[in-house]
Amino acid sequence: MVGYLHDASEDTPHTVEQVLKLLEEEAQTAMEPNDRAEIVQALKLLNHHTASDRQTYIHHIGEHALARAVKLNDLTHNMDMKRLPSPTEKDYQRLARYRQEYEYLAQR
C-alpha cells in the first residue's frame, strides 16, 4: 500500500493523514492503529519535501524498513532508462545519483 501511496502526499496538496483518511473512507474500514502509525511514518519519510536535503532524506529512509523497501522499488523503476525516449545528460546524472542511493539503501 505504501508503494502506491508514497507520491500521493508529495505530489498533491494532501497531507499523509488526509490521504489515509480518504483511503479509509473509500475502503469503508479503518486501519489498525499500529499499522496506520507504521504507514504514516513510512509515507512521511518518503516525502522528500520534509527533509532538509537529499542525503538526509535517503539516510532517514534507510533507517525504516518499510520506507526503505518502497524506496528501493521506486529507485529501481526510476533507473530504468528505457522509460525515457531521449535521455539527456541531466537524466544520466540523476541515474548516477539513483544508483548511489540504491547501493546505500540496499546495504542497510
PDB file of N, CA and C in Angstrom:
ATOM      1  N   MET A   1       0.821  -1.187   0.000  1.00  0.00           N
ATOM      2  CA  MET A   1       0.000   0.000   0.000  1.00  0.00           C
ATOM      3  C   MET A   1       0.870   1.257   0.000  1.00  0.00           C
ATOM      4  N   VAL A   2       1.933   1.242   0.774  1.00  0.00           N
ATOM      5  CA  VAL A   2       2.801   2.420   0.856  1.00  0.00           C
ATOM      6  C   VAL A   2       3.430   2.707  -0.502  1.00  0.00           C
ATOM      7  N   GLY A   3       3.748   1.647  -1.238  1.00  0.00           N
ATOM      8  CA  GLY A   3       4.314   1.829  -2.567  1.00  0.00           C
ATOM      9  C   GLY A   3       3.384   2.602  -3.486  1.00  0.00           C
ATOM     10  N   TYR A   4       2.103   2.329  -3.377  1.00  0.00           N
ATOM     11  CA  TYR A   4       1.125   3.022  -4.209  1.00  0.00           C
ATOM     12  C   TYR A   4       0.871   4.448  -3.734  1.00  0.00           C
ATOM     13  N   LEU A   5       1.004   4.663  -2.447  1.00  0.00           N
ATOM     14  CA  LEU A   5       0.650   5.965  -1.873  1.00  0.00           C
ATOM     15  C   LEU A   5       1.827   6.915  -1.688  1.00  0.00           C
ATOM     16  N   HIS A   6       3.046   6.440  -1.906  1.00  0.00           N
ATOM     17  CA  HIS A   6       4.195   7.250  -1.498  1.00  0.00           C
ATOM     18  C   HIS A   6       4.307   8.591  -2.214  1.00  0.00           C
ATOM     19  N   ASP A   7       3.743   8.735  -3.376  1.00  0.00           N
ATOM     20  CA  ASP A   7       3.774  10.029  -4.061  1.00  0.00           C
ATOM     21  C   ASP A   7       2.541  10.878  -3.775  1.00  0.00           C
ATOM     22  N   ALA A   8       1.528  10.281  -3.172  1.00  0.00           N
ATOM     23  CA  ALA A   8       0.249  10.981  -3.008  1.00  0.00           C
ATOM     24  C   ALA A   8       0.363  12.252  -2.179  1.00  0.00           C
ATOM     25  N   SER A   9       1.061  12.186  -1.068  1.00  0.00           N
ATOM     26  CA  SER A   9       1.166  13.401  -0.251  1.00  0.00           C
ATOM     27  C   SER A   9       2.301  14.296  -0.737  1.00  0.00           C
ATOM     28  N   GLU A  10       3.160  13.754  -1.574  1.00  0.00           N
ATOM     29  CA  GLU A  10       4.274  14.532  -2.104  1.00  0.00           C
ATOM     30  C   GLU A  10       3.858  15.321  -3.347  1.00  0.00           C
ATOM     31  N   ASP A  11       3.005  14.718  -4.154  1.00  0.00           N
ATOM     32  CA  ASP A  11       2.635  15.310  -5.442  1.00  0.00           C
ATOM     33  C   ASP A  11       1.230  15.896  -5.475  1.00  0.00           C
ATOM     34  N   THR A  12       0.570  15.938  -4.335  1.00  0.00           N
ATOM     35  CA  THR A  12      -0.770  16.523  -4.253  1.00  0.00           C
ATOM     36  C   THR A  12      -0.790  17.490  -3.070  1.00  0.00           C
ATOM     37  N   PRO A  13      -1.834  18.268  -2.959  1.00  0.00           N
ATOM     38  CA  PRO A  13      -1.911  19.182  -1.810  1.00  0.00           C
ATOM     39  C   PRO A  13      -2.326  18.486  -0.511  1.00  0.00           C
ATOM     40  N   HIS A  14      -2.518  17.170  -0.542  1.00  0.00           N
ATOM     41  CA  HIS A  14      -2.995  16.435   0.631  1.00  0.00           C
ATOM     42  C   HIS A  14      -1.849  16.012   1.543  1.00  0.00           C
ATOM     43  N   THR A  15      -2.101  16.051   2.834  1.00  0.00           N
ATOM     44  CA  THR A  15      -1.132  15.546   3.804  1.00  0.00           C
ATOM     45  C   THR A  15      -1.238  14.024   3.857  1.00  0.00           C
ATOM     46  N   VAL A  16      -0.274  13.398   4.501  1.00  0.00           N
ATOM     47  CA  VAL A  16      -0.313  11.948   4.697  1.00  0.00           C
ATOM     48  C   VAL A  16      -1.599  11.560   5.416  1.00  0.00           C
ATOM     49  N   GLU A  17      -1.930  12.286   6.452  1.00  0.00           N
ATOM     50  CA  GLU A  17      -3.146  11.984   7.214  1.00  0.00           C
ATOM     51  C   GLU A  17      -4.392  12.098   6.336  1.00  0.00           C
ATOM     52  N   GLN A  18      -4.444  13.113   5.499  1.00  0.00           N
ATOM     53  CA  GLN A  18      -5.595  13.277   4.611  1.00  0.00           C
ATOM     54  C   GLN A  18      -5.680  12.138   3.597  1.00  0.00           C
ATOM     55  N   VAL A  19      -4.550  11.741   3.066  1.00  0.00           N
ATOM     56  CA  VAL A  19      -4.522  10.639   2.096  1.00  0.00           C
ATOM     57  C   VAL A  19      -5.036   9.356   2.748  1.00  0.00           C
ATOM     58  N   LEU A  20      -4.565   9.072   3.946  1.00  0.00           N
ATOM     59  CA  LEU A  20      -5.011   7.853   4.629  1.00  0.00           C
ATOM     60  C   LEU A  20      -6.484   7.926   5.017  1.00  0.00           C
ATOM     61  N   LYS A  21      -6.936   9.094   5.405  1.00  0.00           N
ATOM     62  CA  LYS A  21      -8.355   9.252   5.734  1.00  0.00           C
ATOM     63  C   LYS A  21      -9.217   9.004   4.496  1.00  0.00           C
ATOM     64  N   LEU A  22      -8.796   9.540   3.359  1.00  0.00           N
ATOM     65  CA  LEU A  22      -9.525   9.303   2.109  1.00  0.00           C
ATOM     66  C   LEU A  22      -9.541   7.815   1.759  1.00  0.00           C
ATOM     67  N   LEU A  23      -8.415   7.160   1.959  1.00  0.00           N
ATOM     68  CA  LEU A  23      -8.321   5.727   1.689  1.00  0.00           C
ATOM     69  C   LEU A  23      -9.258   4.937   2.599  1.00  0.00           C
ATOM     70  N   GLU A  24      -9.250   5.264   3.868  1.00  0.00           N
ATOM     71  CA  GLU A  24     -10.127   4.568   4.817  1.00  0.00           C
ATOM     72  C   GLU A  24     -11.600   4.814   4.493  1.00  0.00           C
ATOM     73  N   GLU A  25     -11.916   6.029   4.101  1.00  0.00           N
ATOM     74  CA  GLU A  25     -13.304   6.331   3.731  1.00  0.00           C
ATOM     75  C   GLU A  25     -13.715   5.540   2.496  1.00  0.00           C
ATOM     76  N   GLU A  26     -12.829   5.484   1.525  1.00  0.00           N
ATOM     77  CA  GLU A  26     -13.127   4.750   0.291  1.00  0.00           C
ATOM     78  C   GLU A  26     -13.267   3.255   0.570  1.00  0.00           C
ATOM     79  N   ALA A  27     -12.403   2.726   1.426  1.00  0.00           N
ATOM     80  CA  ALA A  27     -12.437   1.301   1.769  1.00  0.00           C
ATOM     81  C   ALA A  27     -13.526   0.986   2.792  1.00  0.00           C
ATOM     82  N   GLN A  28     -14.062   2.012   3.395  1.00  0.00           N
ATOM     83  CA  GLN A  28     -15.086   1.881   4.436  1.00  0.00           C
ATOM     84  C   GLN A  28     -14.612   1.013   5.598  1.00  0.00           C
ATOM     85  N   THR A  29     -13.352   1.181   5.918  1.00  0.00           N
ATOM     86  CA  THR A  29     -12.777   0.473   7.061  1.00  0.00           C
ATOM     87  C   THR A  29     -11.577   1.254   7.581  1.00  0.00           C
ATOM     88  N   ALA A  30     -11.387   1.186   8.870  1.00  0.00           N
ATOM     89  CA  ALA A  30     -10.244   1.868   9.481  1.00  0.00           C
ATOM     90  C   ALA A  30      -9.073   0.902   9.600  1.00  0.00           C
ATOM     91  N   MET A  31      -7.894   1.441   9.488  1.00  0.00           N
ATOM     92  CA  MET A  31      -6.691   0.627   9.668  1.00  0.00           C
ATOM     93  C   MET A  31      -6.467   0.375  11.151  1.00  0.00           C
ATOM     94  N   GLU A  32      -5.781  -0.707  11.426  1.00  0.00           N
ATOM     95  CA  GLU A  32      -5.356  -0.968  12.799  1.00  0.00           C
ATOM     96  C   GLU A  32      -4.405   0.160  13.207  1.00  0.00           C
ATOM     97  N   PRO A  33      -4.504   0.644  14.432  1.00  0.00           N
ATOM     98  CA  PRO A  33      -3.664   1.775  14.854  1.00  0.00           C
ATOM     99  C   PRO A  33      -2.163   1.564  14.644  1.00  0.00           C
ATOM    100  N   ASN A  34      -1.655   0.378  14.952  1.00  0.00           N
ATOM    101  CA  ASN A  34      -0.218   0.129  14.766  1.00  0.00           C
ATOM    102  C   ASN A  34       0.162   0.138  13.291  1.00  0.00           C
ATOM    103  N   ASP A  35      -0.689  -0.458  12.458  1.00  0.00           N
ATOM    104  CA  ASP A  35      -0.429  -0.457  11.015  1.00  0.00           C
ATOM    105  C   ASP A  35      -0.469   0.964  10.474  1.00  0.00           C
ATOM    106  N   ARG A  36      -1.451   1.711  10.925  1.00  0.00           N
ATOM    107  CA  ARG A  36      -1.600   3.095  10.460  1.00  0.00           C
ATOM    108  C   ARG A  36      -0.380   3.920  10.847  1.00  0.00           C
ATOM    109  N   ALA A  37       0.088   3.752  12.062  1.00  0.00           N
ATOM    110  CA  ALA A  37       1.258   4.504  12.531  1.00  0.00           C
ATOM    111  C   ALA A  37       2.495   4.163  11.697  1.00  0.00           C
ATOM    112  N   GLU A  38       2.669   2.894  11.382  1.00  0.00           N
ATOM    113  CA  GLU A  38       3.807   2.459  10.563  1.00  0.00           C
ATOM    114  C   GLU A  38       3.721   3.052   9.157  1.00  0.00           C
ATOM    115  N   ILE A  39       2.534   3.046   8.594  1.00  0.00           N
ATOM    116  CA  ILE A  39       2.326   3.597   7.252  1.00  0.00           C
ATOM    117  C   ILE A  39       2.540   5.104   7.249  1.00  0.00           C
ATOM    118  N   VAL A  40       2.016   5.780   8.253  1.00  0.00           N
ATOM    119  CA  VAL A  40       2.211   7.237   8.356  1.00  0.00           C
ATOM    120  C   VAL A  40       3.696   7.562   8.424  1.00  0.00           C
ATOM    121  N   GLN A  41       4.418   6.851   9.260  1.00  0.00           N
ATOM    122  CA  GLN A  41       5.848   7.122   9.398  1.00  0.00           C
ATOM    123  C   GLN A  41       6.576   6.891   8.069  1.00  0.00           C
ATOM    124  N   ALA A  42       6.279   5.782   7.406  1.00  0.00           N
ATOM    125  CA  ALA A  42       6.935   5.489   6.127  1.00  0.00           C
ATOM    126  C   ALA A  42       6.609   6.554   5.089  1.00  0.00           C
ATOM    127  N   LEU A  43       5.348   6.924   4.989  1.00  0.00           N
ATOM    128  CA  LEU A  43       4.951   7.924   3.995  1.00  0.00           C
ATOM    129  C   LEU A  43       5.589   9.281   4.276  1.00  0.00           C
ATOM    130  N   LYS A  44       5.698   9.636   5.516  1.00  0.00           N
ATOM    131  CA  LYS A  44       6.345  10.913   5.852  1.00  0.00           C
ATOM    132  C   LYS A  44       7.823  10.881   5.492  1.00  0.00           C
ATOM    133  N   LEU A  45       8.473   9.763   5.741  1.00  0.00           N
ATOM    134  CA  LEU A  45       9.884   9.642   5.382  1.00  0.00           C
ATOM    135  C   LEU A  45      10.082   9.676   3.871  1.00  0.00           C
ATOM    136  N   LEU A  46       9.134   9.137   3.131  1.00  0.00           N
ATOM    137  CA  LEU A  46       9.249   9.073   1.674  1.00  0.00           C
ATOM    138  C   LEU A  46       8.911  10.392   0.988  1.00  0.00           C
ATOM    139  N   ASN A  47       8.481  11.366   1.738  1.00  0.00           N
ATOM    140  CA  ASN A  47       8.178  12.685   1.179  1.00  0.00           C
ATOM    141  C   ASN A  47       9.444  13.534   1.251  1.00  0.00           C
ATOM    142  N   HIS A  48      10.081  13.735   0.107  1.00  0.00           N
ATOM    143  CA  HIS A  48      11.360  14.457   0.120  1.00  0.00           C
ATOM    144  C   HIS A  48      11.215  15.926   0.520  1.00  0.00           C
ATOM    145  N   HIS A  49      10.009  16.441   0.505  1.00  0.00           N
ATOM    146  CA  HIS A  49       9.802  17.835   0.914  1.00  0.00           C
ATOM    147  C   HIS A  49      10.017  18.036   2.411  1.00  0.00           C
ATOM    148  N   THR A  50      10.000  16.949   3.169  1.00  0.00           N
ATOM    149  CA  THR A  50      10.128  17.068   4.626  1.00  0.00           C
ATOM    150  C   THR A  50      11.578  17.006   5.100  1.00  0.00           C
ATOM    151  N   ALA A  51      12.508  16.715   4.202  1.00  0.00           N
ATOM    152  CA  ALA A  51      13.921  16.614   4.585  1.00  0.00           C
ATOM    153  C   ALA A  51      14.669  17.882   4.185  1.00  0.00           C
ATOM    154  N   SER A  52      15.710  18.180   4.928  1.00  0.00           N
ATOM    155  CA  SER A  52      16.486  19.392   4.652  1.00  0.00           C
ATOM    156  C   SER A  52      17.304  19.269   3.373  1.00  0.00           C
ATOM    157  N   ASP A  53      17.700  18.052   3.026  1.00  0.00           N
ATOM    158  CA  ASP A  53      18.458  17.826   1.796  1.00  0.00           C
ATOM    159  C   ASP A  53      18.316  16.362   1.383  1.00  0.00           C
ATOM    160  N   ARG A  54      18.781  16.045   0.198  1.00  0.00           N
ATOM    161  CA  ARG A  54      18.609  14.695  -0.353  1.00  0.00           C
ATOM    162  C   ARG A  54      19.343  13.641   0.481  1.00  0.00           C
ATOM    163  N   GLN A  55      20.531  13.955   0.934  1.00  0.00           N
ATOM    164  CA  GLN A  55      21.302  12.990   1.715  1.00  0.00           C
ATOM    165  C   GLN A  55      20.587  12.642   3.025  1.00  0.00           C
ATOM    166  N   THR A  56      20.051  13.638   3.687  1.00  0.00           N
ATOM    167  CA  THR A  56      19.298  13.411   4.920  1.00  0.00           C
ATOM    168  C   THR A  56      18.053  12.583   4.633  1.00  0.00           C
ATOM    169  N   TYR A  57      17.386  12.911   3.553  1.00  0.00           N
ATOM    170  CA  TYR A  57      16.191  12.185   3.117  1.00  0.00           C
ATOM    171  C   TYR A  57      16.496  10.694   2.957  1.00  0.00           C
ATOM    172  N   ILE A  58      17.535  10.375   2.214  1.00  0.00           N
ATOM    173  CA  ILE A  58      17.898   8.973   1.972  1.00  0.00           C
ATOM    174  C   ILE A  58      18.359   8.303   3.269  1.00  0.00           C
ATOM    175  N   HIS A  59      19.109   9.013   4.074  1.00  0.00           N
ATOM    176  CA  HIS A  59      19.580   8.448   5.345  1.00  0.00           C
ATOM    177  C   HIS A  59      18.401   8.052   6.237  1.00  0.00           C
ATOM    178  N   HIS A  60      17.422   8.926   6.361  1.00  0.00           N
ATOM    179  CA  HIS A  60      16.261   8.623   7.205  1.00  0.00           C
ATOM    180  C   HIS A  60      15.458   7.449   6.654  1.00  0.00           C
ATOM    181  N   ILE A  61      15.319   7.386   5.353  1.00  0.00           N
ATOM    182  CA  ILE A  61      14.626   6.248   4.739  1.00  0.00           C
ATOM    183  C   ILE A  61      15.368   4.951   5.059  1.00  0.00           C
ATOM    184  N   GLY A  62      16.682   5.005   5.034  1.00  0.00           N
ATOM    185  CA  GLY A  62      17.486   3.821   5.309  1.00  0.00           C
ATOM    186  C   GLY A  62      17.286   3.250   6.697  1.00  0.00           C
ATOM    187  N   GLU A  63      16.795   4.055   7.610  1.00  0.00           N
ATOM    188  CA  GLU A  63      16.590   3.616   8.989  1.00  0.00           C
ATOM    189  C   GLU A  63      15.211   2.999   9.224  1.00  0.00           C
ATOM    190  N   HIS A  64      14.374   2.974   8.208  1.00  0.00           N
ATOM    191  CA  HIS A  64      12.999   2.483   8.361  1.00  0.00           C
ATOM    192  C   HIS A  64      12.751   1.394   7.314  1.00  0.00           C
ATOM    193  N   ALA A  65      12.530   0.172   7.752  1.00  0.00           N
ATOM    194  CA  ALA A  65      12.452  -0.977   6.840  1.00  0.00           C
ATOM    195  C   ALA A  65      11.394  -0.817   5.749  1.00  0.00           C
ATOM    196  N   LEU A  66      10.208  -0.389   6.114  1.00  0.00           N
ATOM    197  CA  LEU A  66       9.139  -0.263   5.122  1.00  0.00           C
ATOM    198  C   LEU A  66       9.450   0.844   4.118  1.00  0.00           C
ATOM    199  N   ALA A  67       9.856   1.991   4.607  1.00  0.00           N
ATOM    200  CA  ALA A  67      10.203   3.098   3.707  1.00  0.00           C
ATOM    201  C   ALA A  67      11.369   2.706   2.804  1.00  0.00           C
ATOM    202  N   ARG A  68      12.329   1.998   3.362  1.00  0.00           N
ATOM    203  CA  ARG A  68      13.493   1.557   2.578  1.00  0.00           C
ATOM    204  C   ARG A  68      13.065   0.617   1.450  1.00  0.00           C
ATOM    205  N   ALA A  69      12.201  -0.335   1.750  1.00  0.00           N
ATOM    206  CA  ALA A  69      11.739  -1.276   0.722  1.00  0.00           C
ATOM    207  C   ALA A  69      11.004  -0.549  -0.403  1.00  0.00           C
ATOM    208  N   VAL A  70      10.168   0.403  -0.036  1.00  0.00           N
ATOM    209  CA  VAL A  70       9.430   1.169  -1.042  1.00  0.00           C
ATOM    210  C   VAL A  70      10.395   1.994  -1.886  1.00  0.00           C
ATOM    211  N   LYS A  71      11.354   2.646  -1.239  1.00  0.00           N
ATOM    212  CA  LYS A  71      12.287   3.497  -1.981  1.00  0.00           C
ATOM    213  C   LYS A  71      13.174   2.670  -2.901  1.00  0.00           C
ATOM    214  N   LEU A  72      13.574   1.490  -2.471  1.00  0.00           N
ATOM    215  CA  LEU A  72      14.368   0.628  -3.351  1.00  0.00           C
ATOM    216  C   LEU A  72      13.578   0.271  -4.610  1.00  0.00           C
ATOM    217  N   ASN A  73      12.306  -0.031  -4.448  1.00  0.00           N
ATOM    218  CA  ASN A  73      11.469  -0.314  -5.623  1.00  0.00           C
ATOM    219  C   ASN A  73      11.290   0.924  -6.490  1.00  0.00           C
ATOM    220  N   ASP A  74      11.110   2.058  -5.861  1.00  0.00           N
ATOM    221  CA  ASP A  74      10.955   3.315  -6.591  1.00  0.00           C
ATOM    222  C   ASP A  74      12.224   3.632  -7.386  1.00  0.00           C
ATOM    223  N   LEU A  75      13.371   3.458  -6.753  1.00  0.00           N
ATOM    224  CA  LEU A  75      14.636   3.715  -7.447  1.00  0.00           C
ATOM    225  C   LEU A  75      14.845   2.738  -8.599  1.00  0.00           C
ATOM    226  N   THR A  76      14.464   1.490  -8.403  1.00  0.00           N
ATOM    227  CA  THR A  76      14.577   0.504  -9.483  1.00  0.00           C
ATOM    228  C   THR A  76      13.788   0.976 -10.698  1.00  0.00           C
ATOM    229  N   HIS A  77      12.584   1.430 -10.457  1.00  0.00           N
ATOM    230  CA  HIS A  77      11.760   1.954 -11.551  1.00  0.00           C
ATOM    231  C   HIS A  77      12.405   3.191 -12.170  1.00  0.00           C
ATOM    232  N   ASN A  78      12.860   4.096 -11.330  1.00  0.00           N
ATOM    233  CA  ASN A  78      13.445   5.343 -11.826  1.00  0.00           C
ATOM    234  C   ASN A  78      14.740   5.126 -12.602  1.00  0.00           C
ATOM    235  N   MET A  79      15.444   4.043 -12.309  1.00  0.00           N
ATOM    236  CA  MET A  79      16.709   3.769 -13.001  1.00  0.00           C
ATOM    237  C   MET A  79      16.507   3.089 -14.352  1.00  0.00           C
ATOM    238  N   ASP A  80      15.296   2.745 -14.686  1.00  0.00           N
ATOM    239  CA  ASP A  80      15.017   2.114 -15.977  1.00  0.00           C
ATOM    240  C   ASP A  80      15.020   3.187 -17.066  1.00  0.00           C
ATOM    241  N   MET A  81      16.137   3.319 -17.728  1.00  0.00           N
ATOM    242  CA  MET A  81      16.290   4.375 -18.729  1.00  0.00           C
ATOM    243  C   MET A  81      15.443   4.123 -19.981  1.00  0.00           C
ATOM    244  N   LYS A  82      14.921   2.915 -20.131  1.00  0.00           N
ATOM    245  CA  LYS A  82      14.065   2.623 -21.288  1.00  0.00           C
ATOM    246  C   LYS A  82      12.770   3.424 -21.239  1.00  0.00           C
ATOM    247  N   ARG A  83      12.433   3.929 -20.075  1.00  0.00           N
ATOM    248  CA  ARG A  83      11.195   4.703 -19.963  1.00  0.00           C
ATOM    249  C   ARG A  83      11.353   6.126 -20.506  1.00  0.00           C
ATOM    250  N   LEU A  84      12.599   6.514 -20.782  1.00  0.00           N
ATOM    251  CA  LEU A  84      12.876   7.847 -21.326  1.00  0.00           C
ATOM    252  C   LEU A  84      13.223   7.724 -22.808  1.00  0.00           C
ATOM    253  N   PRO A  85      12.462   8.362 -23.679  1.00  0.00           N
ATOM    254  CA  PRO A  85      12.717   8.211 -25.118  1.00  0.00           C
ATOM    255  C   PRO A  85      14.066   8.781 -25.564  1.00  0.00           C
ATOM    256  N   SER A  86      14.476   9.883 -24.982  1.00  0.00           N
ATOM    257  CA  SER A  86      15.747  10.521 -25.356  1.00  0.00           C
ATOM    258  C   SER A  86      16.435  11.054 -24.102  1.00  0.00           C
ATOM    259  N   PRO A  87      17.133  10.176 -23.383  1.00  0.00           N
ATOM    260  CA  PRO A  87      17.773  10.624 -22.143  1.00  0.00           C
ATOM    261  C   PRO A  87      18.786  11.743 -22.391  1.00  0.00           C
ATOM    262  N   THR A  88      18.793  12.680 -21.478  1.00  0.00           N
ATOM    263  CA  THR A  88      19.722  13.809 -21.559  1.00  0.00           C
ATOM    264  C   THR A  88      20.861  13.601 -20.562  1.00  0.00           C
ATOM    265  N   GLU A  89      21.825  14.478 -20.605  1.00  0.00           N
ATOM    266  CA  GLU A  89      22.928  14.423 -19.648  1.00  0.00           C
ATOM    267  C   GLU A  89      22.397  14.536 -18.220  1.00  0.00           C
ATOM    268  N   LYS A  90      21.399  15.364 -18.033  1.00  0.00           N
ATOM    269  CA  LYS A  90      20.783  15.516 -16.705  1.00  0.00           C
ATOM    270  C   LYS A  90      20.170  14.193 -16.240  1.00  0.00           C
ATOM    271  N   ASP A  91      19.555  13.464 -17.160  1.00  0.00           N
ATOM    272  CA  ASP A  91      18.982  12.155 -16.821  1.00  0.00           C
ATOM    273  C   ASP A  91      20.075  11.179 -16.386  1.00  0.00           C
ATOM    274  N   TYR A  92      21.202  11.198 -17.078  1.00  0.00           N
ATOM    275  CA  TYR A  92      22.304  10.305 -16.717  1.00  0.00           C
ATOM    276  C   TYR A  92      22.926  10.694 -15.376  1.00  0.00           C
ATOM    277  N   GLN A  93      22.962  11.978 -15.083  1.00  0.00           N
ATOM    278  CA  GLN A  93      23.445  12.426 -13.777  1.00  0.00           C
ATOM    279  C   GLN A  93      22.493  11.956 -12.675  1.00  0.00           C
ATOM    280  N   ARG A  94      21.207  12.059 -12.941  1.00  0.00           N
ATOM    281  CA  ARG A  94      20.205  11.591 -11.980  1.00  0.00           C
ATOM    282  C   ARG A  94      20.336  10.078 -11.787  1.00  0.00           C
ATOM    283  N   LEU A  95      20.564   9.362 -12.871  1.00  0.00           N
ATOM    284  CA  LEU A  95      20.748   7.915 -12.799  1.00  0.00           C
ATOM    285  C   LEU A  95      21.931   7.566 -11.894  1.00  0.00           C
ATOM    286  N   ALA A  96      23.016   8.288 -12.034  1.00  0.00           N
ATOM    287  CA  ALA A  96      24.188   8.036 -11.184  1.00  0.00           C
ATOM    288  C   ALA A  96      23.843   8.263  -9.714  1.00  0.00           C
ATOM    289  N   ARG A  97      23.089   9.309  -9.434  1.00  0.00           N
ATOM    290  CA  ARG A  97      22.669   9.578  -8.051  1.00  0.00           C
ATOM    291  C   ARG A  97      21.755   8.462  -7.552  1.00  0.00           C
ATOM    292  N   TYR A  98      20.816   8.048  -8.389  1.00  0.00           N
ATOM    293  CA  TYR A  98      19.913   6.962  -8.003  1.00  0.00           C
ATOM    294  C   TYR A  98      20.685   5.684  -7.696  1.00  0.00           C
ATOM    295  N   ARG A  99      21.692   5.388  -8.493  1.00  0.00           N
ATOM    296  CA  ARG A  99      22.491   4.178  -8.258  1.00  0.00           C
ATOM    297  C   ARG A  99      23.204   4.242  -6.914  1.00  0.00           C
ATOM    298  N   GLN A 100      23.751   5.398  -6.586  1.00  0.00           N
ATOM    299  CA  GLN A 100      24.417   5.563  -5.289  1.00  0.00           C
ATOM    300  C   GLN A 100      23.415   5.391  -4.147  1.00  0.00           C
ATOM    301  N   GLU A 101      22.256   5.994  -4.302  1.00  0.00           N
ATOM    302  CA  GLU A 101      21.229   5.884  -3.269  1.00  0.00           C
ATOM    303  C   GLU A 101      20.758   4.440  -3.125  1.00  0.00           C
ATOM    304  N   TYR A 102      20.603   3.771  -4.246  1.00  0.00           N
ATOM    305  CA  TYR A 102      20.175   2.373  -4.211  1.00  0.00           C
ATOM    306  C   TYR A 102      21.204   1.527  -3.461  1.00  0.00           C
ATOM    307  N   GLU A 103      22.462   1.703  -3.793  1.00  0.00           N
ATOM    308  CA  GLU A 103      23.522   0.930  -3.130  1.00  0.00           C
ATOM    309  C   GLU A 103      23.530   1.197  -1.624  1.00  0.00           C
ATOM    310  N   TYR A 104      23.388   2.449  -1.247  1.00  0.00           N
ATOM    311  CA  TYR A 104      23.354   2.794   0.174  1.00  0.00           C
ATOM    312  C   TYR A 104      22.189   2.087   0.866  1.00  0.00           C
ATOM    313  N   LEU A 105      21.004   2.202   0.288  1.00  0.00           N
ATOM    314  CA  LEU A 105      19.815   1.617   0.913  1.00  0.00           C
ATOM    315  C   LEU A 105      19.862   0.088   0.906  1.00  0.00           C
ATOM    316  N   ALA A 106      20.394  -0.487  -0.142  1.00  0.00           N
ATOM    317  CA  ALA A 106      20.460  -1.948  -0.237  1.00  0.00           C
ATOM    318  C   ALA A 106      21.391  -2.539   0.818  1.00  0.00           C
ATOM    319  N   GLN A 107      22.340  -1.764   1.280  1.00  0.00           N
ATOM    320  CA  GLN A 107      23.291  -2.246   2.285  1.00  0.00           C
ATOM    321  C   GLN A 107      22.798  -2.055   3.710  1.00  0.00           C
ATOM    322  N   ARG A 108      21.689  -1.410   3.882  1.00  0.00           N
ATOM    323  CA  ARG A 108      21.155  -1.140   5.232  1.00  0.00           C
ATOM    324  C   ARG A 108      20.475  -2.354   5.802  1.00  0.00           C
TER     325      ARG A 108
END
